[in-house]
PDB file of all heavy atoms in Angstrom:
ATOM      1  N   ALA A   1       0.821  -1.210   0.000  1.00  0.00           N
ATOM      2  CA  ALA A   1       0.000   0.000   0.000  1.00  0.00           C
ATOM      3  C   ALA A   1       0.855   1.259   0.000  1.00  0.00           C
ATOM      4  O   ALA A   1       0.419   2.320  -0.463  1.00  0.00           O
ATOM      5  CB  ALA A   1      -0.918   0.002   1.225  1.00  0.00           C
ATOM      6  N   ALA A   2       2.099   1.154   0.524  1.00  0.00           N
ATOM      7  CA  ALA A   2       2.963   2.328   0.599  1.00  0.00           C
ATOM      8  C   ALA A   2       3.824   2.487  -0.643  1.00  0.00           C
ATOM      9  O   ALA A   2       4.134   3.616  -1.058  1.00  0.00           O
ATOM     10  CB  ALA A   2       3.860   2.236   1.830  1.00  0.00           C
ATOM     11  N   ALA A   3       4.240   1.369  -1.243  1.00  0.00           N
ATOM     12  CA  ALA A   3       5.109   1.434  -2.419  1.00  0.00           C
ATOM     13  C   ALA A   3       4.334   1.963  -3.611  1.00  0.00           C
ATOM     14  O   ALA A   3       3.248   1.487  -3.912  1.00  0.00           O
ATOM     15  CB  ALA A   3       5.671   0.045  -2.718  1.00  0.00           C
ATOM     16  N   LYS A   4       4.925   2.929  -4.305  1.00  0.00           N
ATOM     17  CA  LYS A   4       4.245   3.525  -5.450  1.00  0.00           C
ATOM     18  C   LYS A   4       5.121   3.379  -6.690  1.00  0.00           C
ATOM     19  O   LYS A   4       5.132   2.333  -7.332  1.00  0.00           O
ATOM     20  CB  LYS A   4       3.898   4.977  -5.151  1.00  0.00           C
ATOM     21  CG  LYS A   4       2.896   5.099  -3.987  1.00  0.00           C
ATOM     22  CD  LYS A   4       2.450   6.511  -3.732  1.00  0.00           C
ATOM     23  CE  LYS A   4       1.439   6.562  -2.603  1.00  0.00           C
ATOM     24  NZ  LYS A   4       0.946   7.926  -2.348  1.00  0.00           N
ATOM     25  N   ALA A   5       5.891   4.392  -7.021  1.00  0.00           N
ATOM     26  CA  ALA A   5       6.663   4.337  -8.266  1.00  0.00           C
ATOM     27  C   ALA A   5       7.773   3.298  -8.201  1.00  0.00           C
ATOM     28  O   ALA A   5       7.961   2.523  -9.136  1.00  0.00           O
ATOM     29  CB  ALA A   5       7.240   5.719  -8.579  1.00  0.00           C
ATOM     30  N   ASN A   6       8.501   3.277  -7.101  1.00  0.00           N
ATOM     31  CA  ASN A   6       9.652   2.383  -6.978  1.00  0.00           C
ATOM     32  C   ASN A   6       9.507   1.494  -5.757  1.00  0.00           C
ATOM     33  O   ASN A   6       9.018   1.940  -4.707  1.00  0.00           O
ATOM     34  CB  ASN A   6      10.946   3.195  -6.864  1.00  0.00           C
ATOM     35  CG  ASN A   6      11.193   4.055  -8.088  1.00  0.00           C
ATOM     36  OD1 ASN A   6      11.089   3.580  -9.210  1.00  0.00           O
ATOM     37  ND2 ASN A   6      11.508   5.324  -7.866  1.00  0.00           N
ATOM     38  N   PRO A   7       9.929   0.244  -5.843  1.00  0.00           N
ATOM     39  CA  PRO A   7       9.863  -0.626  -4.672  1.00  0.00           C
ATOM     40  C   PRO A   7      10.820  -0.147  -3.589  1.00  0.00           C
ATOM     41  O   PRO A   7      11.904   0.340  -3.888  1.00  0.00           O
ATOM     42  CB  PRO A   7      10.283  -1.993  -5.225  1.00  0.00           C
ATOM     43  CG  PRO A   7      11.100  -1.681  -6.435  1.00  0.00           C
ATOM     44  CD  PRO A   7      10.499  -0.443  -7.020  1.00  0.00           C
ATOM     45  N   PRO A   8      10.436  -0.269  -2.334  1.00  0.00           N
ATOM     46  CA  PRO A   8      11.304   0.174  -1.239  1.00  0.00           C
ATOM     47  C   PRO A   8      12.433  -0.810  -0.992  1.00  0.00           C
ATOM     48  O   PRO A   8      12.390  -1.965  -1.414  1.00  0.00           O
ATOM     49  CB  PRO A   8      10.345   0.221  -0.045  1.00  0.00           C
ATOM     50  CG  PRO A   8       9.322  -0.813  -0.370  1.00  0.00           C
ATOM     51  CD  PRO A   8       9.143  -0.775  -1.860  1.00  0.00           C
ATOM     52  N   LEU A   9      13.446  -0.334  -0.289  1.00  0.00           N
ATOM     53  CA  LEU A   9      14.573  -1.153   0.124  1.00  0.00           C
ATOM     54  C   LEU A   9      14.447  -1.394   1.621  1.00  0.00           C
ATOM     55  O   LEU A   9      14.334  -0.440   2.399  1.00  0.00           O
ATOM     56  CB  LEU A   9      15.890  -0.444  -0.188  1.00  0.00           C
ATOM     57  CG  LEU A   9      16.081   0.016  -1.641  1.00  0.00           C
ATOM     58  CD1 LEU A   9      17.366   0.828  -1.768  1.00  0.00           C
ATOM     59  CD2 LEU A   9      16.097  -1.179  -2.582  1.00  0.00           C
ATOM     60  N   VAL A  10      14.470  -2.651   2.022  1.00  0.00           N
ATOM     61  CA  VAL A  10      14.309  -3.010   3.424  1.00  0.00           C
ATOM     62  C   VAL A  10      15.510  -3.837   3.862  1.00  0.00           C
ATOM     63  O   VAL A  10      15.881  -4.802   3.193  1.00  0.00           O
ATOM     64  CB  VAL A  10      13.013  -3.809   3.662  1.00  0.00           C
ATOM     65  CG1 VAL A  10      12.866  -4.163   5.138  1.00  0.00           C
ATOM     66  CG2 VAL A  10      11.794  -3.023   3.183  1.00  0.00           C
ATOM     67  N   SER A  11      16.117  -3.453   4.959  1.00  0.00           N
ATOM     68  CA  SER A  11      17.279  -4.196   5.464  1.00  0.00           C
ATOM     69  C   SER A  11      17.297  -4.141   6.980  1.00  0.00           C
ATOM     70  O   SER A  11      16.725  -3.232   7.595  1.00  0.00           O
ATOM     71  CB  SER A  11      18.585  -3.628   4.892  1.00  0.00           C
ATOM     72  OG  SER A  11      18.704  -2.247   5.182  1.00  0.00           O
ATOM     73  N   GLY A  12      17.952  -5.134   7.589  1.00  0.00           N
ATOM     74  CA  GLY A  12      18.040  -5.195   9.040  1.00  0.00           C
ATOM     75  C   GLY A  12      19.476  -5.341   9.495  1.00  0.00           C
ATOM     76  O   GLY A  12      20.415  -5.212   8.710  1.00  0.00           O
ATOM     77  N   GLY A  13      19.641  -5.578  10.800  1.00  0.00           N
ATOM     78  CA  GLY A  13      20.981  -5.761  11.350  1.00  0.00           C
ATOM     79  C   GLY A  13      21.657  -4.470  11.758  1.00  0.00           C
ATOM     80  O   GLY A  13      22.882  -4.354  11.658  1.00  0.00           O
ATOM     81  N   TYR A  14      20.875  -3.495  12.236  1.00  0.00           N
ATOM     82  CA  TYR A  14      21.440  -2.201  12.604  1.00  0.00           C
ATOM     83  C   TYR A  14      21.261  -1.924  14.095  1.00  0.00           C
ATOM     84  O   TYR A  14      20.417  -2.518  14.765  1.00  0.00           O
ATOM     85  CB  TYR A  14      20.773  -1.070  11.820  1.00  0.00           C
ATOM     86  CG  TYR A  14      20.902  -1.197  10.327  1.00  0.00           C
ATOM     87  CD1 TYR A  14      19.816  -1.615   9.560  1.00  0.00           C
ATOM     88  CD2 TYR A  14      22.099  -0.908   9.682  1.00  0.00           C
ATOM     89  CE1 TYR A  14      19.926  -1.738   8.180  1.00  0.00           C
ATOM     90  CE2 TYR A  14      22.221  -1.021   8.307  1.00  0.00           C
ATOM     91  CZ  TYR A  14      21.126  -1.435   7.560  1.00  0.00           C
ATOM     92  OH  TYR A  14      21.241  -1.559   6.209  1.00  0.00           O
ATOM     93  N   SER A  15      22.045  -0.990  14.593  1.00  0.00           N
ATOM     94  CA  SER A  15      21.881  -0.434  15.933  1.00  0.00           C
ATOM     95  C   SER A  15      21.822   1.080  15.818  1.00  0.00           C
ATOM     96  O   SER A  15      22.444   1.672  14.937  1.00  0.00           O
ATOM     97  CB  SER A  15      23.042  -0.832  16.859  1.00  0.00           C
ATOM     98  OG  SER A  15      23.010  -2.204  17.173  1.00  0.00           O
ATOM     99  N   LYS A  16      21.071   1.689  16.717  1.00  0.00           N
ATOM    100  CA  LYS A  16      21.008   3.152  16.774  1.00  0.00           C
ATOM    101  C   LYS A  16      21.797   3.631  17.980  1.00  0.00           C
ATOM    102  O   LYS A  16      21.578   3.174  19.107  1.00  0.00           O
ATOM    103  CB  LYS A  16      19.564   3.643  16.881  1.00  0.00           C
ATOM    104  CG  LYS A  16      19.458   5.167  16.884  1.00  0.00           C
ATOM    105  CD  LYS A  16      18.020   5.644  16.988  1.00  0.00           C
ATOM    106  CE  LYS A  16      17.525   5.635  18.401  1.00  0.00           C
ATOM    107  NZ  LYS A  16      16.232   6.347  18.572  1.00  0.00           N
ATOM    108  N   ILE A  17      22.727   4.540  17.743  1.00  0.00           N
ATOM    109  CA  ILE A  17      23.484   5.186  18.811  1.00  0.00           C
ATOM    110  C   ILE A  17      22.930   6.601  18.977  1.00  0.00           C
ATOM    111  O   ILE A  17      22.787   7.334  18.006  1.00  0.00           O
ATOM    112  CB  ILE A  17      24.986   5.270  18.474  1.00  0.00           C
ATOM    113  CG1 ILE A  17      25.548   3.885  18.141  1.00  0.00           C
ATOM    114  CG2 ILE A  17      25.751   5.921  19.626  1.00  0.00           C
ATOM    115  CD1 ILE A  17      25.596   2.931  19.286  1.00  0.00           C
ATOM    116  N   ASN A  18      22.621   6.963  20.212  1.00  0.00           N
ATOM    117  CA  ASN A  18      22.094   8.302  20.470  1.00  0.00           C
ATOM    118  C   ASN A  18      23.011   9.057  21.422  1.00  0.00           C
ATOM    119  O   ASN A  18      23.370   8.555  22.489  1.00  0.00           O
ATOM    120  CB  ASN A  18      20.689   8.221  21.063  1.00  0.00           C
ATOM    121  CG  ASN A  18      20.077   9.586  21.308  1.00  0.00           C
ATOM    122  OD1 ASN A  18      20.127  10.110  22.407  1.00  0.00           O
ATOM    123  ND2 ASN A  18      19.499  10.164  20.272  1.00  0.00           N
ATOM    124  N   LEU A  19      23.405  10.247  21.016  1.00  0.00           N
ATOM    125  CA  LEU A  19      24.178  11.165  21.858  1.00  0.00           C
ATOM    126  C   LEU A  19      23.231  12.252  22.336  1.00  0.00           C
ATOM    127  O   LEU A  19      22.611  12.939  21.520  1.00  0.00           O
ATOM    128  CB  LEU A  19      25.329  11.790  21.069  1.00  0.00           C
ATOM    129  CG  LEU A  19      26.270  10.847  20.328  1.00  0.00           C
ATOM    130  CD1 LEU A  19      27.291  11.636  19.535  1.00  0.00           C
ATOM    131  CD2 LEU A  19      26.952   9.905  21.285  1.00  0.00           C
ATOM    132  N   PHE A  20      23.144  12.425  23.633  1.00  0.00           N
ATOM    133  CA  PHE A  20      22.208  13.409  24.193  1.00  0.00           C
ATOM    134  C   PHE A  20      22.941  14.366  25.118  1.00  0.00           C
ATOM    135  O   PHE A  20      23.863  13.970  25.831  1.00  0.00           O
ATOM    136  CB  PHE A  20      21.095  12.714  24.978  1.00  0.00           C
ATOM    137  CG  PHE A  20      20.195  13.674  25.712  1.00  0.00           C
ATOM    138  CD1 PHE A  20      19.141  14.288  25.068  1.00  0.00           C
ATOM    139  CD2 PHE A  20      20.437  13.983  27.050  1.00  0.00           C
ATOM    140  CE1 PHE A  20      18.316  15.186  25.743  1.00  0.00           C
ATOM    141  CE2 PHE A  20      19.632  14.882  27.739  1.00  0.00           C
ATOM    142  CZ  PHE A  20      18.569  15.479  27.073  1.00  0.00           C
ATOM    143  N   GLY A  21      22.504  15.613  25.100  1.00  0.00           N
ATOM    144  CA  GLY A  21      23.047  16.587  26.039  1.00  0.00           C
ATOM    145  C   GLY A  21      22.278  17.890  25.957  1.00  0.00           C
ATOM    146  O   GLY A  21      22.053  18.408  24.861  1.00  0.00           O
ATOM    147  N   GLU A  22      21.865  18.407  27.104  1.00  0.00           N
ATOM    148  CA  GLU A  22      21.125  19.668  27.105  1.00  0.00           C
ATOM    149  C   GLU A  22      21.993  20.832  26.649  1.00  0.00           C
ATOM    150  O   GLU A  22      21.476  21.840  26.162  1.00  0.00           O
ATOM    151  CB  GLU A  22      20.558  19.933  28.501  1.00  0.00           C
ATOM    152  CG  GLU A  22      19.492  18.934  28.908  1.00  0.00           C
ATOM    153  CD  GLU A  22      18.879  19.242  30.250  1.00  0.00           C
ATOM    154  OE1 GLU A  22      19.330  20.224  30.893  1.00  0.00           O
ATOM    155  OE2 GLU A  22      17.962  18.514  30.667  1.00  0.00           O
ATOM    156  N   GLU A  23      23.310  20.702  26.800  1.00  0.00           N
ATOM    157  CA  GLU A  23      24.216  21.775  26.374  1.00  0.00           C
ATOM    158  C   GLU A  23      24.539  21.693  24.885  1.00  0.00           C
ATOM    159  O   GLU A  23      25.194  22.585  24.338  1.00  0.00           O
ATOM    160  CB  GLU A  23      25.513  21.724  27.180  1.00  0.00           C
ATOM    161  CG  GLU A  23      25.332  22.038  28.654  1.00  0.00           C
ATOM    162  CD  GLU A  23      26.648  22.032  29.400  1.00  0.00           C
ATOM    163  OE1 GLU A  23      27.671  21.769  28.758  1.00  0.00           O
ATOM    164  OE2 GLU A  23      26.635  22.298  30.616  1.00  0.00           O
ATOM    165  N   MET A  24      24.055  20.652  24.226  1.00  0.00           N
ATOM    166  CA  MET A  24      24.380  20.485  22.816  1.00  0.00           C
ATOM    167  C   MET A  24      23.856  21.638  21.968  1.00  0.00           C
ATOM    168  O   MET A  24      24.431  21.986  20.931  1.00  0.00           O
ATOM    169  CB  MET A  24      23.824  19.153  22.300  1.00  0.00           C
ATOM    170  CG  MET A  24      24.463  18.673  21.018  1.00  0.00           C
ATOM    171  SD  MET A  24      23.835  17.063  20.467  1.00  0.00           S
ATOM    172  CE  MET A  24      24.424  16.000  21.790  1.00  0.00           C
TER     173      MET A  24
END
């Protein structure tokens, strides 16, 4: 339902690293 003109690319095996700081 979401794919229209081009098929999407789907991949796994990732991690998200988040850097947080109020002074940023």
